[in-house]
Protein backbone atom coordinates (compact mmCIF):
# COMPACT_ATOMS: atom_id res chain seq x y z
CA MET A 1 18.96 -27.74 57.01
CA ASN A 2 15.30 -28.03 56.04
CA ASP A 3 11.84 -27.65 57.56
CA SER A 4 10.88 -31.32 57.42
CA PRO A 5 10.05 -32.85 60.84
CA VAL A 6 12.80 -34.82 62.55
CA THR A 7 12.02 -37.59 65.01
CA ASP A 8 13.18 -37.60 68.64
CA ARG A 9 15.40 -40.54 67.81
CA ALA A 10 17.13 -38.58 65.05
CA LEU A 11 17.67 -35.67 67.44
CA ALA A 12 19.50 -37.96 69.83
CA GLN A 13 21.91 -39.08 67.12
CA SER A 14 25.06 -37.38 65.87
CA PRO A 15 24.47 -34.64 63.25
CA ALA A 16 25.65 -36.91 60.43
CA ALA A 17 23.47 -39.80 61.58
CA ALA A 18 20.46 -37.52 62.07
CA SER A 19 20.96 -36.11 58.56
CA ALA A 20 21.19 -39.59 57.08
CA ALA A 21 18.02 -40.64 58.91
CA ALA A 22 16.16 -37.57 57.67
CA GLU A 23 17.29 -38.27 54.10
CA ARG A 24 16.15 -41.89 54.29
CA GLU A 25 12.79 -40.64 55.51
CA ALA A 26 12.66 -38.22 52.57
CA PHE A 27 13.40 -41.08 50.16
CA THR A 28 10.61 -43.14 51.73
CA ARG A 29 8.19 -40.27 51.16
CA LEU A 30 9.36 -39.85 47.58
CA ALA A 31 8.81 -43.54 46.96
CA ALA A 32 5.24 -43.23 48.28
CA GLY A 33 4.40 -40.21 46.12
CA GLY A 34 1.76 -37.56 46.79
CA ALA A 35 2.01 -34.29 48.69
CA ALA A 36 4.57 -35.71 51.11
CA ALA A 37 6.84 -36.48 48.16
CA GLU A 38 6.69 -32.85 47.03
CA ARG A 39 7.83 -31.66 50.45
CA ALA A 40 10.55 -34.32 50.52
CA ILE A 41 12.01 -33.31 47.15
CA GLY A 42 12.00 -29.70 48.32
CA SER A 43 13.96 -30.51 51.47
CA LEU A 44 16.52 -32.55 49.52
CA TYR A 45 16.90 -29.78 46.97
CA ASP A 46 17.52 -27.25 49.73
CA GLU A 47 20.18 -29.52 51.22
CA TYR A 48 22.05 -30.54 48.06
CA ALA A 49 21.48 -28.04 45.24
CA ALA A 50 24.11 -25.52 46.32
CA ARG A 51 26.73 -28.24 46.85
CA PHE A 52 25.95 -29.76 43.46
CA ARG A 53 26.25 -26.37 41.74
CA ALA A 54 29.63 -25.76 43.37
CA PHE A 55 30.82 -29.24 42.35
CA LEU A 56 29.81 -28.65 38.73
CA ARG A 57 31.26 -25.14 38.60
CA MET A 58 34.62 -26.50 39.80
CA ARG A 59 34.51 -28.82 36.80
CA GLY A 60 34.18 -25.95 34.37
CA LEU A 61 30.45 -25.82 33.70
CA ALA A 62 28.83 -22.46 33.07
CA PRO A 63 26.25 -21.33 35.66
CA GLN A 64 23.25 -22.19 33.46
CA GLN A 65 24.71 -25.59 32.54
CA ALA A 66 25.29 -26.35 36.21
CA GLU A 67 21.75 -25.31 37.10
CA ASP A 68 20.29 -27.44 34.29
CA LEU A 69 22.20 -30.50 35.53
CA VAL A 70 21.11 -29.91 39.12
CA GLN A 71 17.51 -29.81 37.93
CA ASP A 72 18.14 -33.00 35.95
CA VAL A 73 19.35 -34.78 39.10
CA PHE A 74 16.11 -34.08 40.93
CA VAL A 75 14.00 -35.00 37.92
CA ARG A 76 15.80 -38.36 37.86
CA LEU A 77 15.17 -38.69 41.57
CA ILE A 78 11.43 -38.18 41.10
CA GLU A 79 11.38 -40.62 38.19
CA ALA A 80 13.03 -43.31 40.34
CA GLY A 81 9.84 -43.40 42.40
CA PRO A 82 9.22 -46.63 44.35
CA ARG A 83 12.81 -47.83 43.83
CA LEU A 84 13.99 -45.21 46.32
CA LYS A 85 12.63 -47.10 49.31
CA GLU A 86 15.36 -49.71 48.80
CA VAL A 87 18.18 -47.14 48.94
CA GLU A 88 20.34 -47.46 52.06
CA SER A 89 22.46 -44.33 51.55
CA PRO A 90 20.50 -41.47 49.94
CA CYS A 91 23.60 -39.27 50.04
CA ALA A 92 25.65 -41.70 47.95
CA TYR A 93 22.70 -42.25 45.63
CA LEU A 94 22.34 -38.51 45.03
CA TRP A 95 26.04 -38.04 44.31
CA CYS A 96 25.98 -41.00 41.95
CA THR A 97 22.98 -39.52 40.13
CA LEU A 98 24.85 -36.24 39.78
CA ARG A 99 27.91 -38.04 38.45
CA ASN A 100 25.78 -39.91 35.89
CA ALA A 101 24.09 -36.68 34.81
CA LEU A 102 27.49 -35.02 34.35
CA THR A 103 28.77 -38.01 32.36
CA ASP A 104 25.71 -37.89 30.08
CA HIS A 105 26.20 -34.15 29.60
CA THR A 106 29.88 -34.60 28.73
CA ARG A 107 29.03 -37.26 26.17
CA ARG A 108 26.37 -35.05 24.57
CA VAL A 109 28.77 -32.12 24.35
CA GLY A 110 31.46 -34.37 22.87
CA ARG A 111 29.11 -35.75 20.23
CA GLU A 112 27.99 -32.25 19.28
CA ARG A 113 31.56 -30.99 18.98
CA ARG A 114 32.52 -33.94 16.79
CA ARG A 115 29.44 -33.40 14.65
CA LEU A 116 30.38 -29.77 14.06
CA ALA A 117 34.14 -30.23 13.71
CA ASP A 118 34.58 -33.55 11.95
CA PRO A 119 33.56 -34.64 8.45
CA PRO A 120 30.57 -36.99 8.38
CA ALA A 121 31.47 -40.55 9.29
CA SER A 122 30.17 -43.50 7.34
CA ALA A 123 27.02 -45.07 8.72
CA GLY A 124 27.61 -47.14 11.82
CA ASP A 125 31.19 -45.93 12.32
CA ASP A 126 30.74 -43.04 14.78
CA ASP A 127 30.36 -44.97 18.03
CA GLY A 128 33.22 -47.33 17.30
CA VAL A 129 35.62 -44.57 16.24
CA SER A 130 34.81 -42.34 19.22
CA PHE A 131 35.23 -45.19 21.67
CA GLU A 132 38.57 -46.20 20.14
CA SER A 133 39.75 -42.58 20.36
CA TRP A 134 38.72 -42.49 24.00
CA LEU A 135 40.67 -45.66 24.67
CA GLU A 136 43.79 -44.29 23.00
CA LYS A 137 43.66 -41.03 24.94
CA THR A 138 42.73 -42.26 28.42
CA ALA A 139 44.26 -45.72 28.50
CA GLY A 140 47.34 -45.14 26.37
CA VAL A 141 46.59 -47.90 23.90
CA ALA A 142 47.40 -46.14 20.63
CA GLY A 143 48.70 -48.87 18.39
CA ALA A 144 47.90 -51.55 20.96
CA GLU A 145 47.05 -55.05 19.89
CA PRO A 146 43.34 -55.83 19.31
CA GLU A 147 43.22 -58.13 22.35
CA ARG A 148 44.20 -55.27 24.65
CA ILE A 149 41.56 -52.97 23.18
CA ASP A 150 38.92 -55.71 23.47
CA HIS A 151 39.83 -56.19 27.12
CA LEU A 152 39.55 -52.48 27.92
CA GLU A 153 36.22 -52.32 26.15
CA CYS A 154 35.03 -55.21 28.32
CA VAL A 155 36.19 -53.38 31.45
CA ALA A 156 34.27 -50.27 30.36
CA ARG A 157 31.11 -52.36 29.95
CA ALA A 158 31.69 -53.92 33.37
CA LEU A 159 31.98 -50.46 34.95
CA ASP A 160 28.70 -49.38 33.37
CA ARG A 161 27.04 -52.55 34.62
CA PHE A 162 28.39 -51.99 38.13
CA ARG A 163 26.95 -48.45 38.15
CA ARG A 164 23.52 -49.83 37.24
CA GLN A 165 23.60 -52.75 39.66
CA ASP A 166 25.12 -50.98 42.65
CA PRO A 167 24.96 -47.20 42.17
CA GLU A 168 25.81 -46.37 45.79
CA ARG A 169 29.04 -48.40 45.83
CA ALA A 170 29.91 -47.10 42.38
CA ALA A 171 29.43 -43.55 43.66
CA ALA A 172 31.75 -44.16 46.60
CA ILE A 173 34.51 -45.50 44.32
CA GLU A 174 34.16 -42.68 41.82
CA LEU A 175 34.07 -39.93 44.43
CA VAL A 176 37.39 -41.17 45.80
CA ALA A 177 39.11 -42.36 42.60
CA LEU A 178 37.89 -39.71 40.18
CA GLU A 179 36.92 -36.71 42.27
CA GLY A 180 39.67 -36.88 44.88
CA PHE A 181 37.46 -37.14 47.96
CA GLU A 182 39.40 -37.96 51.11
CA GLY A 183 38.32 -40.73 53.48
CA ARG A 184 36.82 -38.37 56.04
CA GLU A 185 34.95 -36.44 53.35
CA LEU A 186 33.51 -39.70 52.08
CA ALA A 187 32.49 -40.63 55.63
CA VAL A 188 30.50 -37.41 55.94
CA LEU A 189 28.81 -37.97 52.57
CA LEU A 190 27.88 -41.55 53.47
CA GLY A 191 26.75 -40.64 56.97
CA ARG A 192 29.15 -43.22 58.44
CA SER A 193 32.09 -43.22 60.79
CA TYR A 194 35.55 -42.93 59.22
CA GLY A 195 36.27 -46.61 59.88
CA ALA A 196 32.90 -47.72 58.53
CA ALA A 197 33.38 -45.60 55.40
CA ARG A 198 36.80 -47.16 54.78
CA GLU A 199 35.32 -50.63 55.14
CA TYR A 200 32.44 -49.72 52.83
CA LEU A 201 34.88 -48.46 50.20
CA SER A 202 37.00 -51.59 50.55
CA GLN A 203 33.97 -53.83 50.04
CA ALA A 204 32.85 -51.72 47.08
CA ARG A 205 36.24 -52.13 45.42
CA LYS A 206 36.18 -55.89 46.01
CA ALA A 207 32.70 -56.11 44.47
CA LEU A 208 33.80 -54.15 41.40
CA LYS A 209 36.96 -56.22 41.01
CA SER A 210 34.95 -59.45 41.25
CA LEU A 211 32.55 -58.27 38.55
CA VAL A 212 35.36 -57.22 36.22
CA GLU A 213 37.17 -60.53 36.73
CA ALA A 214 33.96 -62.49 36.12
CA LEU A 215 33.20 -60.64 32.88
CA CYS A 216 36.67 -59.91 31.54
CA GLY A 217 39.04 -62.41 33.11
CA SER A 218 41.12 -59.95 35.13
CA LEU A 219 41.30 -56.27 36.01
CA TYR A 220 44.68 -55.90 34.33
CA ALA A 221 45.62 -57.61 31.10
């Protein structure tokens, strides 16, 4: 997997648990900085870079685009610095960071395509028009009443807030709901048993639903 030292305790654990323990140790070293952080980022890159490239290639990115996004993930990881010592599941955190990097890339590409293809919009109109178009296409609200659009916009803001507040739980939900990960695949990624992963996903969904209901009134309007 990598050349970083593994403790006797980790060796006695299952492969998934030992991997999770090694990754938490790597995050601790990254949070501390220095030479140990450089070795830690190298071991994490060796473990995840190929999987990330494959994930991005399956989603249609060109090889150089995929490589650029993989590099971006590890730059973001370094920039997180001391915050990493609070992360319980480095695997989920890394996948969430990749997902966020891909989302940012998709938005940039979309803005550039609109800039090249569409006539100039009046000042201040671009964000509102693009968001409304997104709502019509993905939520089927073309011609919907303003209250419905306002509600969906609120839900979108709640989702963004949930990603910032609880990136690991957000990653678990998105990997299952958006990327089609099965329960046992999620268990491997989280370094948990199948039952524990199911419970974690259930609690993540409850937390997201509670946030949406608190901010927007209900998940479905």
